[in-house]
PDB file of N, CA and C in Angstrom:
ATOM      1  N   MET A   1     -76.231 -50.063 -20.683  1.00  0.00           N
ATOM      2  CA  MET A   1     -75.272 -49.843 -21.741  1.00  0.00           C
ATOM      3  C   MET A   1     -75.054 -48.340 -21.900  1.00  0.00           C
ATOM      4  N   LYS A   2     -73.797 -47.934 -21.900  1.00  0.00           N
ATOM      5  CA  LYS A   2     -73.444 -46.529 -22.098  1.00  0.00           C
ATOM      6  C   LYS A   2     -73.283 -46.241 -23.585  1.00  0.00           C
ATOM      7  N   VAL A   3     -73.533 -44.979 -23.931  1.00  0.00           N
ATOM      8  CA  VAL A   3     -73.354 -44.518 -25.302  1.00  0.00           C
ATOM      9  C   VAL A   3     -72.383 -43.341 -25.285  1.00  0.00           C
ATOM     10  N   TYR A   4     -71.306 -43.488 -26.031  1.00  0.00           N
ATOM     11  CA  TYR A   4     -70.281 -42.453 -26.166  1.00  0.00           C
ATOM     12  C   TYR A   4     -70.428 -41.841 -27.557  1.00  0.00           C
ATOM     13  N   GLU A   5     -70.437 -40.490 -27.619  1.00  0.00           N
ATOM     14  CA  GLU A   5     -70.570 -39.809 -28.903  1.00  0.00           C
ATOM     15  C   GLU A   5     -69.540 -38.701 -29.013  1.00  0.00           C
ATOM     16  N   GLY A   6     -69.004 -38.561 -30.207  1.00  0.00           N
ATOM     17  CA  GLY A   6     -68.046 -37.497 -30.467  1.00  0.00           C
ATOM     18  C   GLY A   6     -68.402 -36.743 -31.724  1.00  0.00           C
ATOM     19  N   GLY A   7     -68.091 -35.463 -31.712  1.00  0.00           N
ATOM     20  CA  GLY A   7     -68.318 -34.625 -32.877  1.00  0.00           C
ATOM     21  C   GLY A   7     -67.559 -33.327 -32.729  1.00  0.00           C
ATOM     22  N   ARG A   8     -67.621 -32.543 -33.762  1.00  0.00           N
ATOM     23  CA  ARG A   8     -66.919 -31.264 -33.751  1.00  0.00           C
ATOM     24  C   ARG A   8     -67.934 -30.130 -33.856  1.00  0.00           C
ATOM     25  N   GLY A   9     -67.794 -29.181 -32.969  1.00  0.00           N
ATOM     26  CA  GLY A   9     -68.673 -28.017 -32.974  1.00  0.00           C
ATOM     27  C   GLY A   9     -67.848 -26.751 -32.949  1.00  0.00           C
ATOM     28  N   LEU A  10     -68.490 -25.647 -32.668  1.00  0.00           N
ATOM     29  CA  LEU A  10     -67.792 -24.368 -32.604  1.00  0.00           C
ATOM     30  C   LEU A  10     -66.731 -24.356 -31.513  1.00  0.00           C
ATOM     31  N   ALA A  11     -66.959 -25.128 -30.454  1.00  0.00           N
ATOM     32  CA  ALA A  11     -66.005 -25.196 -29.343  1.00  0.00           C
ATOM     33  C   ALA A  11     -64.892 -26.202 -29.599  1.00  0.00           C
ATOM     34  N   GLY A  12     -64.922 -26.874 -30.739  1.00  0.00           N
ATOM     35  CA  GLY A  12     -63.908 -27.870 -31.065  1.00  0.00           C
ATOM     36  C   GLY A  12     -64.457 -29.277 -30.880  1.00  0.00           C
ATOM     37  N   ALA A  13     -63.564 -30.212 -30.604  1.00  0.00           N
ATOM     38  CA  ALA A  13     -63.944 -31.613 -30.436  1.00  0.00           C
ATOM     39  C   ALA A  13     -64.685 -31.786 -29.111  1.00  0.00           C
ATOM     40  N   GLU A  14     -65.849 -32.416 -29.186  1.00  0.00           N
ATOM     41  CA  GLU A  14     -66.665 -32.639 -27.997  1.00  0.00           C
ATOM     42  C   GLU A  14     -67.033 -34.110 -27.910  1.00  0.00           C
ATOM     43  N   VAL A  15     -66.930 -34.678 -26.705  1.00  0.00           N
ATOM     44  CA  VAL A  15     -67.261 -36.086 -26.482  1.00  0.00           C
ATOM     45  C   VAL A  15     -68.168 -36.183 -25.266  1.00  0.00           C
ATOM     46  N   THR A  16     -69.225 -36.976 -25.409  1.00  0.00           N
ATOM     47  CA  THR A  16     -70.162 -37.185 -24.304  1.00  0.00           C
ATOM     48  C   THR A  16     -70.312 -38.670 -24.011  1.00  0.00           C
ATOM     49  N   VAL A  17     -70.741 -38.940 -22.779  1.00  0.00           N
ATOM     50  CA  VAL A  17     -71.140 -40.281 -22.378  1.00  0.00           C
ATOM     51  C   VAL A  17     -72.550 -40.144 -21.829  1.00  0.00           C
ATOM     52  N   ASP A  18     -73.474 -40.838 -22.462  1.00  0.00           N
ATOM     53  CA  ASP A  18     -74.895 -40.743 -22.107  1.00  0.00           C
ATOM     54  C   ASP A  18     -75.360 -39.289 -22.023  1.00  0.00           C
ATOM     55  N   GLY A  19     -74.853 -38.461 -22.939  1.00  0.00           N
ATOM     56  CA  GLY A  19     -75.278 -37.070 -23.031  1.00  0.00           C
ATOM     57  C   GLY A  19     -74.526 -36.078 -22.170  1.00  0.00           C
ATOM     58  N   ALA A  20     -73.680 -36.549 -21.259  1.00  0.00           N
ATOM     59  CA  ALA A  20     -72.896 -35.664 -20.389  1.00  0.00           C
ATOM     60  C   ALA A  20     -71.442 -35.630 -20.872  1.00  0.00           C
ATOM     61  N   PRO A  21     -70.729 -34.518 -20.650  1.00  0.00           N
ATOM     62  CA  PRO A  21     -69.333 -34.450 -21.085  1.00  0.00           C
ATOM     63  C   PRO A  21     -68.493 -35.577 -20.478  1.00  0.00           C
ATOM     64  N   LEU A  22     -67.657 -36.190 -21.313  1.00  0.00           N
ATOM     65  CA  LEU A  22     -66.746 -37.245 -20.855  1.00  0.00           C
ATOM     66  C   LEU A  22     -65.548 -36.607 -20.162  1.00  0.00           C
ATOM     67  N   ASP A  23     -65.238 -37.076 -18.970  1.00  0.00           N
ATOM     68  CA  ASP A  23     -64.079 -36.598 -18.210  1.00  0.00           C
ATOM     69  C   ASP A  23     -62.805 -37.010 -18.958  1.00  0.00           C
ATOM     70  N   PRO A  24     -61.910 -36.067 -19.275  1.00  0.00           N
ATOM     71  CA  PRO A  24     -60.685 -36.417 -20.007  1.00  0.00           C
ATOM     72  C   PRO A  24     -59.673 -37.216 -19.182  1.00  0.00           C
ATOM     73  N   ARG A  25     -59.894 -37.304 -17.897  1.00  0.00           N
ATOM     74  CA  ARG A  25     -59.043 -38.063 -16.972  1.00  0.00           C
ATOM     75  C   ARG A  25     -57.593 -37.570 -16.960  1.00  0.00           C
ATOM     76  N   PHE A  26     -57.448 -36.251 -16.930  1.00  0.00           N
ATOM     77  CA  PHE A  26     -56.123 -35.656 -16.776  1.00  0.00           C
ATOM     78  C   PHE A  26     -55.484 -36.067 -15.458  1.00  0.00           C
ATOM     79  N   ASP A  27     -56.316 -36.503 -14.495  1.00  0.00           N
ATOM     80  CA  ASP A  27     -55.776 -36.957 -13.218  1.00  0.00           C
ATOM     81  C   ASP A  27     -54.954 -38.237 -13.380  1.00  0.00           C
ATOM     82  N   LEU A  28     -55.234 -39.012 -14.425  1.00  0.00           N
ATOM     83  CA  LEU A  28     -54.477 -40.243 -14.674  1.00  0.00           C
ATOM     84  C   LEU A  28     -53.236 -39.973 -15.510  1.00  0.00           C
ATOM     85  N   ARG A  29     -53.412 -39.191 -16.580  1.00  0.00           N
ATOM     86  CA  ARG A  29     -52.293 -38.852 -17.457  1.00  0.00           C
ATOM     87  C   ARG A  29     -52.731 -37.739 -18.382  1.00  0.00           C
ATOM     88  N   ARG A  30     -51.870 -36.782 -18.594  1.00  0.00           N
ATOM     89  CA  ARG A  30     -52.165 -35.667 -19.501  1.00  0.00           C
ATOM     90  C   ARG A  30     -51.321 -35.855 -20.759  1.00  0.00           C
ATOM     91  N   PHE A  31     -51.927 -36.536 -21.736  1.00  0.00           N
ATOM     92  CA  PHE A  31     -51.251 -36.707 -23.024  1.00  0.00           C
ATOM     93  C   PHE A  31     -51.354 -35.428 -23.839  1.00  0.00           C
ATOM     94  N   SER A  32     -52.526 -34.784 -23.768  1.00  0.00           N
ATOM     95  CA  SER A  32     -52.802 -33.626 -24.609  1.00  0.00           C
ATOM     96  C   SER A  32     -53.429 -32.502 -23.798  1.00  0.00           C
ATOM     97  N   PRO A  33     -52.760 -31.371 -23.684  1.00  0.00           N
ATOM     98  CA  PRO A  33     -53.355 -30.250 -22.965  1.00  0.00           C
ATOM     99  C   PRO A  33     -54.580 -29.687 -23.688  1.00  0.00           C
ATOM    100  N   MET A  34     -54.722 -30.014 -24.958  1.00  0.00           N
ATOM    101  CA  MET A  34     -55.847 -29.514 -25.756  1.00  0.00           C
ATOM    102  C   MET A  34     -57.075 -30.421 -25.651  1.00  0.00           C
ATOM    103  N   GLY A  35     -56.952 -31.577 -25.013  1.00  0.00           N
ATOM    104  CA  GLY A  35     -58.094 -32.466 -24.861  1.00  0.00           C
ATOM    105  C   GLY A  35     -58.177 -33.518 -25.940  1.00  0.00           C
ATOM    106  N   PHE A  36     -59.397 -33.843 -26.324  1.00  0.00           N
ATOM    107  CA  PHE A  36     -59.653 -34.975 -27.202  1.00  0.00           C
ATOM    108  C   PHE A  36     -59.451 -34.656 -28.680  1.00  0.00           C
ATOM    109  N   GLU A  37     -59.058 -35.716 -29.392  1.00  0.00           N
ATOM    110  CA  GLU A  37     -59.033 -35.721 -30.854  1.00  0.00           C
ATOM    111  C   GLU A  37     -59.215 -37.163 -31.297  1.00  0.00           C
ATOM    112  N   TRP A  38     -59.407 -37.346 -32.601  1.00  0.00           N
ATOM    113  CA  TRP A  38     -59.535 -38.698 -33.169  1.00  0.00           C
ATOM    114  C   TRP A  38     -59.276 -38.605 -34.668  1.00  0.00           C
ATOM    115  N   THR A  39     -59.327 -39.700 -35.381  1.00  0.00           N
ATOM    116  CA  THR A  39     -59.079 -39.892 -36.818  1.00  0.00           C
ATOM    117  C   THR A  39     -57.599 -40.023 -37.164  1.00  0.00           C
ATOM    118  N   TYR A  40     -56.715 -40.014 -36.198  1.00  0.00           N
ATOM    119  CA  TYR A  40     -55.283 -40.190 -36.434  1.00  0.00           C
ATOM    120  C   TYR A  40     -54.652 -40.706 -35.144  1.00  0.00           C
ATOM    121  N   GLU A  41     -53.371 -41.060 -35.203  1.00  0.00           N
ATOM    122  CA  GLU A  41     -52.638 -41.483 -34.012  1.00  0.00           C
ATOM    123  C   GLU A  41     -51.866 -40.288 -33.471  1.00  0.00           C
ATOM    124  N   GLY A  42     -52.010 -40.010 -32.171  1.00  0.00           N
ATOM    125  CA  GLY A  42     -51.316 -38.885 -31.569  1.00  0.00           C
ATOM    126  C   GLY A  42     -51.790 -38.654 -30.148  1.00  0.00           C
ATOM    127  N   ASP A  43     -51.374 -37.532 -29.579  1.00  0.00           N
ATOM    128  CA  ASP A  43     -51.662 -37.266 -28.173  1.00  0.00           C
ATOM    129  C   ASP A  43     -53.146 -37.015 -27.886  1.00  0.00           C
ATOM    130  N   GLY A  44     -53.840 -36.274 -28.740  1.00  0.00           N
ATOM    131  CA  GLY A  44     -55.273 -36.051 -28.548  1.00  0.00           C
ATOM    132  C   GLY A  44     -56.066 -37.357 -28.598  1.00  0.00           C
ATOM    133  N   PRO A  45     -55.810 -38.209 -29.594  1.00  0.00           N
ATOM    134  CA  PRO A  45     -56.462 -39.517 -29.620  1.00  0.00           C
ATOM    135  C   PRO A  45     -56.084 -40.404 -28.425  1.00  0.00           C
ATOM    136  N   ARG A  46     -54.852 -40.294 -27.939  1.00  0.00           N
ATOM    137  CA  ARG A  46     -54.458 -41.048 -26.738  1.00  0.00           C
ATOM    138  C   ARG A  46     -55.289 -40.613 -25.533  1.00  0.00           C
ATOM    139  N   GLN A  47     -55.509 -39.297 -25.409  1.00  0.00           N
ATOM    140  CA  GLN A  47     -56.304 -38.788 -24.292  1.00  0.00           C
ATOM    141  C   GLN A  47     -57.731 -39.328 -24.374  1.00  0.00           C
ATOM    142  N   LEU A  48     -58.282 -39.371 -25.575  1.00  0.00           N
ATOM    143  CA  LEU A  48     -59.622 -39.904 -25.756  1.00  0.00           C
ATOM    144  C   LEU A  48     -59.664 -41.391 -25.434  1.00  0.00           C
ATOM    145  N   ALA A  49     -58.691 -42.141 -25.904  1.00  0.00           N
ATOM    146  CA  ALA A  49     -58.648 -43.581 -25.619  1.00  0.00           C
ATOM    147  C   ALA A  49     -58.605 -43.828 -24.113  1.00  0.00           C
ATOM    148  N   LEU A  50     -57.759 -43.092 -23.416  1.00  0.00           N
ATOM    149  CA  LEU A  50     -57.658 -43.241 -21.967  1.00  0.00           C
ATOM    150  C   LEU A  50     -58.985 -42.916 -21.288  1.00  0.00           C
ATOM    151  N   ALA A  51     -59.606 -41.815 -21.679  1.00  0.00           N
ATOM    152  CA  ALA A  51     -60.865 -41.398 -21.062  1.00  0.00           C
ATOM    153  C   ALA A  51     -61.979 -42.409 -21.318  1.00  0.00           C
ATOM    154  N   LEU A  52     -62.088 -42.883 -22.554  1.00  0.00           N
ATOM    155  CA  LEU A  52     -63.109 -43.889 -22.876  1.00  0.00           C
ATOM    156  C   LEU A  52     -62.909 -45.155 -22.055  1.00  0.00           C
ATOM    157  N   LEU A  53     -61.681 -45.635 -22.031  1.00  0.00           N
ATOM    158  CA  LEU A  53     -61.400 -46.883 -21.315  1.00  0.00           C
ATOM    159  C   LEU A  53     -61.571 -46.729 -19.810  1.00  0.00           C
ATOM    160  N   ALA A  54     -61.126 -45.614 -19.251  1.00  0.00           N
ATOM    161  CA  ALA A  54     -61.269 -45.402 -17.806  1.00  0.00           C
ATOM    162  C   ALA A  54     -62.745 -45.368 -17.418  1.00  0.00           C
ATOM    163  N   ASP A  55     -63.549 -44.696 -18.224  1.00  0.00           N
ATOM    164  CA  ASP A  55     -64.980 -44.636 -17.933  1.00  0.00           C
ATOM    165  C   ASP A  55     -65.634 -46.003 -18.121  1.00  0.00           C
ATOM    166  N   HIS A  56     -65.321 -46.653 -19.209  1.00  0.00           N
ATOM    167  CA  HIS A  56     -65.948 -47.937 -19.529  1.00  0.00           C
ATOM    168  C   HIS A  56     -65.532 -49.049 -18.565  1.00  0.00           C
ATOM    169  N   LEU A  57     -64.242 -49.147 -18.302  1.00  0.00           N
ATOM    170  CA  LEU A  57     -63.728 -50.247 -17.478  1.00  0.00           C
ATOM    171  C   LEU A  57     -63.867 -49.989 -15.982  1.00  0.00           C
ATOM    172  N   GLY A  58     -63.807 -48.730 -15.578  1.00  0.00           N
ATOM    173  CA  GLY A  58     -63.815 -48.417 -14.154  1.00  0.00           C
ATOM    174  C   GLY A  58     -62.550 -48.873 -13.449  1.00  0.00           C
ATOM    175  N   ASP A  59     -61.494 -49.088 -14.231  1.00  0.00           N
ATOM    176  CA  ASP A  59     -60.221 -49.594 -13.706  1.00  0.00           C
ATOM    177  C   ASP A  59     -59.105 -48.750 -14.326  1.00  0.00           C
ATOM    178  N   PRO A  60     -58.639 -47.722 -13.616  1.00  0.00           N
ATOM    179  CA  PRO A  60     -57.641 -46.820 -14.186  1.00  0.00           C
ATOM    180  C   PRO A  60     -56.355 -47.502 -14.649  1.00  0.00           C
ATOM    181  N   GLN A  61     -55.876 -48.478 -13.896  1.00  0.00           N
ATOM    182  CA  GLN A  61     -54.634 -49.149 -14.282  1.00  0.00           C
ATOM    183  C   GLN A  61     -54.805 -49.942 -15.572  1.00  0.00           C
ATOM    184  N   ARG A  62     -55.908 -50.661 -15.688  1.00  0.00           N
ATOM    185  CA  ARG A  62     -56.155 -51.433 -16.916  1.00  0.00           C
ATOM    186  C   ARG A  62     -56.367 -50.483 -18.092  1.00  0.00           C
ATOM    187  N   ALA A  63     -57.066 -49.394 -17.848  1.00  0.00           N
ATOM    188  CA  ALA A  63     -57.291 -48.407 -18.904  1.00  0.00           C
ATOM    189  C   ALA A  63     -55.964 -47.865 -19.427  1.00  0.00           C
ATOM    190  N   GLN A  64     -55.050 -47.540 -18.528  1.00  0.00           N
ATOM    191  CA  GLN A  64     -53.748 -47.019 -18.944  1.00  0.00           C
ATOM    192  C   GLN A  64     -52.956 -48.060 -19.719  1.00  0.00           C
ATOM    193  N   ALA A  65     -53.043 -49.314 -19.309  1.00  0.00           N
ATOM    194  CA  ALA A  65     -52.314 -50.377 -19.987  1.00  0.00           C
ATOM    195  C   ALA A  65     -52.824 -50.612 -21.416  1.00  0.00           C
ATOM    196  N   LEU A  66     -54.106 -50.355 -21.643  1.00  0.00           N
ATOM    197  CA  LEU A  66     -54.711 -50.617 -22.948  1.00  0.00           C
ATOM    198  C   LEU A  66     -54.807 -49.384 -23.845  1.00  0.00           C
ATOM    199  N   THR A  67     -54.438 -48.227 -23.319  1.00  0.00           N
ATOM    200  CA  THR A  67     -54.629 -46.968 -24.044  1.00  0.00           C
ATOM    201  C   THR A  67     -53.984 -46.962 -25.420  1.00  0.00           C
ATOM    202  N   GLU A  68     -52.735 -47.330 -25.524  1.00  0.00           N
ATOM    203  CA  GLU A  68     -52.010 -47.230 -26.797  1.00  0.00           C
ATOM    204  C   GLU A  68     -52.644 -48.123 -27.869  1.00  0.00           C
ATOM    205  N   ALA A  69     -52.909 -49.365 -27.534  1.00  0.00           N
ATOM    206  CA  ALA A  69     -53.505 -50.288 -28.503  1.00  0.00           C
ATOM    207  C   ALA A  69     -54.909 -49.844 -28.897  1.00  0.00           C
ATOM    208  N   PHE A  70     -55.704 -49.382 -27.934  1.00  0.00           N
ATOM    209  CA  PHE A  70     -57.071 -48.935 -28.212  1.00  0.00           C
ATOM    210  C   PHE A  70     -57.052 -47.675 -29.081  1.00  0.00           C
ATOM    211  N   MET A  71     -56.111 -46.792 -28.822  1.00  0.00           N
ATOM    212  CA  MET A  71     -55.978 -45.590 -29.635  1.00  0.00           C
ATOM    213  C   MET A  71     -55.688 -45.973 -31.087  1.00  0.00           C
ATOM    214  N   ARG A  72     -54.743 -46.877 -31.301  1.00  0.00           N
ATOM    215  CA  ARG A  72     -54.378 -47.276 -32.662  1.00  0.00           C
ATOM    216  C   ARG A  72     -55.510 -48.020 -33.372  1.00  0.00           C
ATOM    217  N   GLU A  73     -56.136 -48.946 -32.673  1.00  0.00           N
ATOM    218  CA  GLU A  73     -57.117 -49.837 -33.294  1.00  0.00           C
ATOM    219  C   GLU A  73     -58.524 -49.247 -33.403  1.00  0.00           C
ATOM    220  N   VAL A  74     -58.881 -48.326 -32.517  1.00  0.00           N
ATOM    221  CA  VAL A  74     -60.256 -47.812 -32.505  1.00  0.00           C
ATOM    222  C   VAL A  74     -60.296 -46.309 -32.750  1.00  0.00           C
ATOM    223  N   VAL A  75     -59.679 -45.548 -31.879  1.00  0.00           N
ATOM    224  CA  VAL A  75     -59.819 -44.088 -31.907  1.00  0.00           C
ATOM    225  C   VAL A  75     -59.265 -43.482 -33.201  1.00  0.00           C
ATOM    226  N   ALA A  76     -58.138 -43.978 -33.677  1.00  0.00           N
ATOM    227  CA  ALA A  76     -57.547 -43.427 -34.899  1.00  0.00           C
ATOM    228  C   ALA A  76     -58.442 -43.651 -36.117  1.00  0.00           C
ATOM    229  N   GLY A  77     -59.316 -44.642 -36.050  1.00  0.00           N
ATOM    230  CA  GLY A  77     -60.192 -44.945 -37.172  1.00  0.00           C
ATOM    231  C   GLY A  77     -61.588 -44.357 -37.084  1.00  0.00           C
ATOM    232  N   LEU A  78     -61.876 -43.596 -36.045  1.00  0.00           N
ATOM    233  CA  LEU A  78     -63.209 -43.007 -35.905  1.00  0.00           C
ATOM    234  C   LEU A  78     -63.443 -41.922 -36.955  1.00  0.00           C
ATOM    235  N   ASP A  79     -64.697 -41.807 -37.401  1.00  0.00           N
ATOM    236  CA  ASP A  79     -65.071 -40.758 -38.337  1.00  0.00           C
ATOM    237  C   ASP A  79     -65.135 -39.415 -37.612  1.00  0.00           C
ATOM    238  N   ASN A  80     -65.377 -38.360 -38.376  1.00  0.00           N
ATOM    239  CA  ASN A  80     -65.477 -37.015 -37.805  1.00  0.00           C
ATOM    240  C   ASN A  80     -66.538 -36.952 -36.716  1.00  0.00           C
ATOM    241  N   ALA A  81     -67.688 -37.554 -36.957  1.00  0.00           N
ATOM    242  CA  ALA A  81     -68.741 -37.710 -35.946  1.00  0.00           C
ATOM    243  C   ALA A  81     -68.907 -39.209 -35.730  1.00  0.00           C
ATOM    244  N   TRP A  82     -69.001 -39.633 -34.480  1.00  0.00           N
ATOM    245  CA  TRP A  82     -69.023 -41.066 -34.198  1.00  0.00           C
ATOM    246  C   TRP A  82     -69.860 -41.375 -32.975  1.00  0.00           C
ATOM    247  N   LEU A  83     -70.193 -42.661 -32.850  1.00  0.00           N
ATOM    248  CA  LEU A  83     -70.934 -43.188 -31.708  1.00  0.00           C
ATOM    249  C   LEU A  83     -70.374 -44.567 -31.390  1.00  0.00           C
ATOM    250  N   LEU A  84     -70.063 -44.802 -30.128  1.00  0.00           N
ATOM    251  CA  LEU A  84     -69.619 -46.112 -29.641  1.00  0.00           C
ATOM    252  C   LEU A  84     -70.478 -46.493 -28.449  1.00  0.00           C
ATOM    253  N   THR A  85     -70.877 -47.749 -28.387  1.00  0.00           N
ATOM    254  CA  THR A  85     -71.590 -48.242 -27.217  1.00  0.00           C
ATOM    255  C   THR A  85     -70.634 -49.048 -26.356  1.00  0.00           C
ATOM    256  N   SER A  86     -71.085 -49.377 -25.150  1.00  0.00           N
ATOM    257  CA  SER A  86     -70.293 -50.254 -24.279  1.00  0.00           C
ATOM    258  C   SER A  86     -69.990 -51.565 -24.982  1.00  0.00           C
ATOM    259  N   GLU A  87     -70.964 -52.073 -25.728  1.00  0.00           N
ATOM    260  CA  GLU A  87     -70.769 -53.327 -26.463  1.00  0.00           C
ATOM    261  C   GLU A  87     -69.689 -53.181 -27.526  1.00  0.00           C
ATOM    262  N   ASP A  88     -69.654 -52.042 -28.219  1.00  0.00           N
ATOM    263  CA  ASP A  88     -68.622 -51.787 -29.231  1.00  0.00           C
ATOM    264  C   ASP A  88     -67.229 -51.801 -28.591  1.00  0.00           C
ATOM    265  N   ILE A  89     -67.114 -51.174 -27.435  1.00  0.00           N
ATOM    266  CA  ILE A  89     -65.816 -51.122 -26.751  1.00  0.00           C
ATOM    267  C   ILE A  89     -65.413 -52.514 -26.284  1.00  0.00           C
ATOM    268  N   ASP A  90     -66.346 -53.265 -25.718  1.00  0.00           N
ATOM    269  CA  ASP A  90     -66.038 -54.644 -25.304  1.00  0.00           C
ATOM    270  C   ASP A  90     -65.574 -55.483 -26.497  1.00  0.00           C
ATOM    271  N   ALA A  91     -66.232 -55.332 -27.636  1.00  0.00           N
ATOM    272  CA  ALA A  91     -65.857 -56.096 -28.823  1.00  0.00           C
ATOM    273  C   ALA A  91     -64.463 -55.715 -29.285  1.00  0.00           C
ATOM    274  N   ALA A  92     -64.155 -54.420 -29.260  1.00  0.00           N
ATOM    275  CA  ALA A  92     -62.814 -53.971 -29.654  1.00  0.00           C
ATOM    276  C   ALA A  92     -61.768 -54.504 -28.692  1.00  0.00           C
ATOM    277  N   LEU A  93     -62.044 -54.489 -27.404  1.00  0.00           N
ATOM    278  CA  LEU A  93     -61.087 -54.974 -26.410  1.00  0.00           C
ATOM    279  C   LEU A  93     -60.844 -56.469 -26.573  1.00  0.00           C
ATOM    280  N   SER A  94     -61.840 -57.213 -26.984  1.00  0.00           N
ATOM    281  CA  SER A  94     -61.665 -58.660 -27.172  1.00  0.00           C
ATOM    282  C   SER A  94     -60.742 -58.948 -28.367  1.00  0.00           C
ATOM    283  N   ARG A  95     -60.609 -57.997 -29.284  1.00  0.00           N
ATOM    284  CA  ARG A  95     -59.726 -58.170 -30.447  1.00  0.00           C
ATOM    285  C   ARG A  95     -58.294 -57.715 -30.169  1.00  0.00           C
ATOM    286  N   LEU A  96     -58.075 -56.988 -29.091  1.00  0.00           N
ATOM    287  CA  LEU A  96     -56.715 -56.473 -28.802  1.00  0.00           C
ATOM    288  C   LEU A  96     -55.838 -57.548 -28.212  1.00  0.00           C
TER     289      LEU A  96
END
C-alpha cells in the first residue's frame, strides 16, 4: 500500500509518495507550470489529480480520463496538510 502526503513548506506545496517526491507527470499533460495545489478546483489541483492517479493506477490513459472527476471529488476537498493511501484512492474511484 502506498502513502501519499501533501503539505506546504517554505518551498511551497510539496507532495510525496512513500516519502519520495511525487512526479507531476508533465510528460502526460501540463495543466499547471507551477506544479501541485489542492483545496480548490483549478489547474494546480488538476496536476495533482493526474499525478496521483498516474502513479496509483499505472495507466496513463485511464489516469487522464479520470483526472477531472478526481480533482473535483477528492483533490479540491483536501485539507492544507493531507494523507491518502492506495485504499483511499481506490475507494474514491469506486464512487466516481
